[in-house]
Amino acid sequence: METMVATILIVIIFMVASLIMNSLMAAQVTANTGNISERLHRLEYQYTHGLLQLPYQEDWNDWSIRAVLEKGVNVPVVRLEATHKTSKKNLESILVAHDPF
């Protein structure tokens, strides 16, 4: 009888540990925005050096990226925005535009 109770407790402990590890890994994967941040920095570089035509839009690794020229308070700005298609997480970068309206 004690062997059966010990076996059930061990199975429960391993199941809880497995669920915790799965939850931590899933949170780490969804919170990782390094790749999309790097892509936004590359687009900033391309815009700064005249290699990016505005308005710009692309789908990249489950992210929807767009770059538009907008009127800021006193100066025109370029808004780079990336939205994850499934989690709807949003990253944004704003640059001072070198092209007048």
C-alpha atoms as a PDB file:
ATOM      1  CA  MET A   1       0.000   0.000   0.000  1.00  0.00           C
ATOM      2  CA  GLU A   2       2.811   2.442   0.869  1.00  0.00           C
ATOM      3  CA  THR A   3       4.490   1.675  -2.437  1.00  0.00           C
ATOM      4  CA  MET A   4       1.351   2.615  -4.357  1.00  0.00           C
ATOM      5  CA  VAL A   5       0.961   5.903  -2.442  1.00  0.00           C
ATOM      6  CA  ALA A   6       4.630   6.753  -3.007  1.00  0.00           C
ATOM      7  CA  THR A   7       4.311   5.978  -6.718  1.00  0.00           C
ATOM      8  CA  ILE A   8       1.233   8.195  -7.058  1.00  0.00           C
ATOM      9  CA  LEU A   9       2.980  11.039  -5.210  1.00  0.00           C
ATOM     10  CA  ILE A  10       6.043  10.745  -7.461  1.00  0.00           C
ATOM     11  CA  VAL A  11       3.838  10.784 -10.581  1.00  0.00           C
ATOM     12  CA  ILE A  12       1.966  13.864  -9.309  1.00  0.00           C
ATOM     13  CA  ILE A  13       5.224  15.679  -8.484  1.00  0.00           C
ATOM     14  CA  PHE A  14       6.668  14.959 -11.927  1.00  0.00           C
ATOM     15  CA  MET A  15       3.428  16.035 -13.604  1.00  0.00           C
ATOM     16  CA  VAL A  16       3.387  19.358 -11.734  1.00  0.00           C
ATOM     17  CA  ALA A  17       7.085  19.904 -12.520  1.00  0.00           C
ATOM     18  CA  SER A  18       6.430  19.178 -16.191  1.00  0.00           C
ATOM     19  CA  LEU A  19       3.545  21.673 -16.310  1.00  0.00           C
ATOM     20  CA  ILE A  20       5.671  24.349 -14.639  1.00  0.00           C
ATOM     21  CA  MET A  21       8.552  23.785 -17.095  1.00  0.00           C
ATOM     22  CA  ASN A  22       6.140  23.900 -20.040  1.00  0.00           C
ATOM     23  CA  SER A  23       4.647  27.159 -18.797  1.00  0.00           C
ATOM     24  CA  LEU A  24       8.096  28.727 -18.312  1.00  0.00           C
ATOM     25  CA  MET A  25       9.255  27.703 -21.773  1.00  0.00           C
ATOM     26  CA  ALA A  26       6.073  29.005 -23.413  1.00  0.00           C
ATOM     27  CA  ALA A  27       6.430  32.339 -21.591  1.00  0.00           C
ATOM     28  CA  GLN A  28      10.082  32.603 -22.653  1.00  0.00           C
ATOM     29  CA  VAL A  29       9.252  31.957 -26.304  1.00  0.00           C
ATOM     30  CA  THR A  30       6.425  34.512 -26.442  1.00  0.00           C
ATOM     31  CA  ALA A  31       8.410  37.165 -24.552  1.00  0.00           C
ATOM     32  CA  ASN A  32      11.428  36.893 -26.858  1.00  0.00           C
ATOM     33  CA  THR A  33      11.349  39.947 -29.123  1.00  0.00           C
ATOM     34  CA  GLY A  34      15.041  40.040 -30.012  1.00  0.00           C
ATOM     35  CA  ASN A  35      14.605  38.970 -33.629  1.00  0.00           C
ATOM     36  CA  ILE A  36      11.858  41.458 -34.429  1.00  0.00           C
ATOM     37  CA  SER A  37      13.754  44.257 -32.658  1.00  0.00           C
ATOM     38  CA  GLU A  38      16.762  43.477 -34.826  1.00  0.00           C
ATOM     39  CA  ARG A  39      14.552  43.568 -37.945  1.00  0.00           C
ATOM     40  CA  LEU A  40      13.162  46.982 -36.923  1.00  0.00           C
ATOM     41  CA  HIS A  41      16.709  48.295 -36.406  1.00  0.00           C
ATOM     42  CA  ARG A  42      17.634  47.094 -39.903  1.00  0.00           C
ATOM     43  CA  LEU A  43      14.625  48.906 -41.340  1.00  0.00           C
ATOM     44  CA  GLU A  44      15.636  52.062 -39.439  1.00  0.00           C
ATOM     45  CA  TYR A  45      19.098  51.787 -40.973  1.00  0.00           C
ATOM     46  CA  GLN A  46      17.643  51.287 -44.447  1.00  0.00           C
ATOM     47  CA  TYR A  47      15.391  54.333 -44.041  1.00  0.00           C
ATOM     48  CA  THR A  48      18.215  56.487 -42.715  1.00  0.00           C
ATOM     49  CA  HIS A  49      20.361  55.613 -45.733  1.00  0.00           C
ATOM     50  CA  GLY A  50      17.585  56.069 -48.308  1.00  0.00           C
ATOM     51  CA  LEU A  51      17.101  52.363 -49.060  1.00  0.00           C
ATOM     52  CA  LEU A  52      13.513  52.079 -47.780  1.00  0.00           C
ATOM     53  CA  GLN A  53      10.549  53.411 -49.748  1.00  0.00           C
ATOM     54  CA  LEU A  54       7.595  54.640 -47.681  1.00  0.00           C
ATOM     55  CA  PRO A  55       4.930  53.488 -47.058  1.00  0.00           C
ATOM     56  CA  TYR A  56       6.398  50.044 -46.399  1.00  0.00           C
ATOM     57  CA  GLN A  57       4.703  46.826 -45.308  1.00  0.00           C
ATOM     58  CA  GLU A  58       5.872  43.222 -44.932  1.00  0.00           C
ATOM     59  CA  ASP A  59       5.050  39.976 -43.168  1.00  0.00           C
ATOM     60  CA  TRP A  60       8.070  38.562 -41.381  1.00  0.00           C
ATOM     61  CA  ASN A  61       8.124  35.449 -39.127  1.00  0.00           C
ATOM     62  CA  ASP A  62       4.524  35.769 -37.837  1.00  0.00           C
ATOM     63  CA  TRP A  63       4.950  39.545 -37.501  1.00  0.00           C
ATOM     64  CA  SER A  64       3.262  42.201 -39.584  1.00  0.00           C
ATOM     65  CA  ILE A  65       5.586  45.177 -40.078  1.00  0.00           C
ATOM     66  CA  ARG A  66       4.655  48.552 -41.480  1.00  0.00           C
ATOM     67  CA  ALA A  67       6.429  51.883 -41.819  1.00  0.00           C
ATOM     68  CA  VAL A  68       4.551  55.091 -42.545  1.00  0.00           C
ATOM     69  CA  LEU A  69       5.368  58.772 -42.711  1.00  0.00           C
ATOM     70  CA  GLU A  70       3.239  60.826 -40.296  1.00  0.00           C
ATOM     71  CA  LYS A  71       2.995  64.417 -39.158  1.00  0.00           C
ATOM     72  CA  GLY A  72       4.435  64.847 -35.696  1.00  0.00           C
ATOM     73  CA  VAL A  73       3.860  67.858 -33.457  1.00  0.00           C
ATOM     74  CA  ASN A  74       6.494  70.020 -35.158  1.00  0.00           C
ATOM     75  CA  VAL A  75       8.340  67.634 -37.476  1.00  0.00           C
ATOM     76  CA  PRO A  76       7.421  64.729 -39.714  1.00  0.00           C
ATOM     77  CA  VAL A  77       8.146  61.316 -38.202  1.00  0.00           C
ATOM     78  CA  VAL A  78       8.429  57.773 -39.504  1.00  0.00           C
ATOM     79  CA  ARG A  79       6.522  55.218 -37.446  1.00  0.00           C
ATOM     80  CA  LEU A  80       7.828  51.654 -37.632  1.00  0.00           C
ATOM     81  CA  GLU A  81       5.298  49.265 -36.127  1.00  0.00           C
ATOM     82  CA  ALA A  82       5.456  45.476 -35.738  1.00  0.00           C
ATOM     83  CA  THR A  83       2.440  43.448 -34.588  1.00  0.00           C
ATOM     84  CA  HIS A  84       2.538  39.729 -33.840  1.00  0.00           C
ATOM     85  CA  LYS A  85      -0.236  37.979 -35.740  1.00  0.00           C
ATOM     86  CA  THR A  86      -1.323  35.549 -33.009  1.00  0.00           C
ATOM     87  CA  SER A  87      -0.460  37.237 -29.703  1.00  0.00           C
ATOM     88  CA  LYS A  88      -1.167  40.798 -30.962  1.00  0.00           C
ATOM     89  CA  LYS A  89       2.004  42.009 -29.212  1.00  0.00           C
ATOM     90  CA  ASN A  90       3.022  45.393 -30.596  1.00  0.00           C
ATOM     91  CA  LEU A  91       6.491  46.954 -30.937  1.00  0.00           C
ATOM     92  CA  GLU A  92       6.931  50.497 -32.183  1.00  0.00           C
ATOM     93  CA  SER A  93       9.813  52.734 -33.170  1.00  0.00           C
ATOM     94  CA  ILE A  94       9.569  56.400 -34.142  1.00  0.00           C
ATOM     95  CA  LEU A  95      12.210  58.248 -36.187  1.00  0.00           C
ATOM     96  CA  VAL A  96      12.462  61.871 -37.216  1.00  0.00           C
ATOM     97  CA  ALA A  97      11.805  61.903 -40.949  1.00  0.00           C
ATOM     98  CA  HIS A  98      14.289  63.446 -43.324  1.00  0.00           C
ATOM     99  CA  ASP A  99      11.680  63.767 -46.113  1.00  0.00           C
ATOM    100  CA  PRO A 100       9.321  66.749 -45.905  1.00  0.00           C
ATOM    101  CA  PHE A 101       5.603  66.300 -46.516  1.00  0.00           C
END
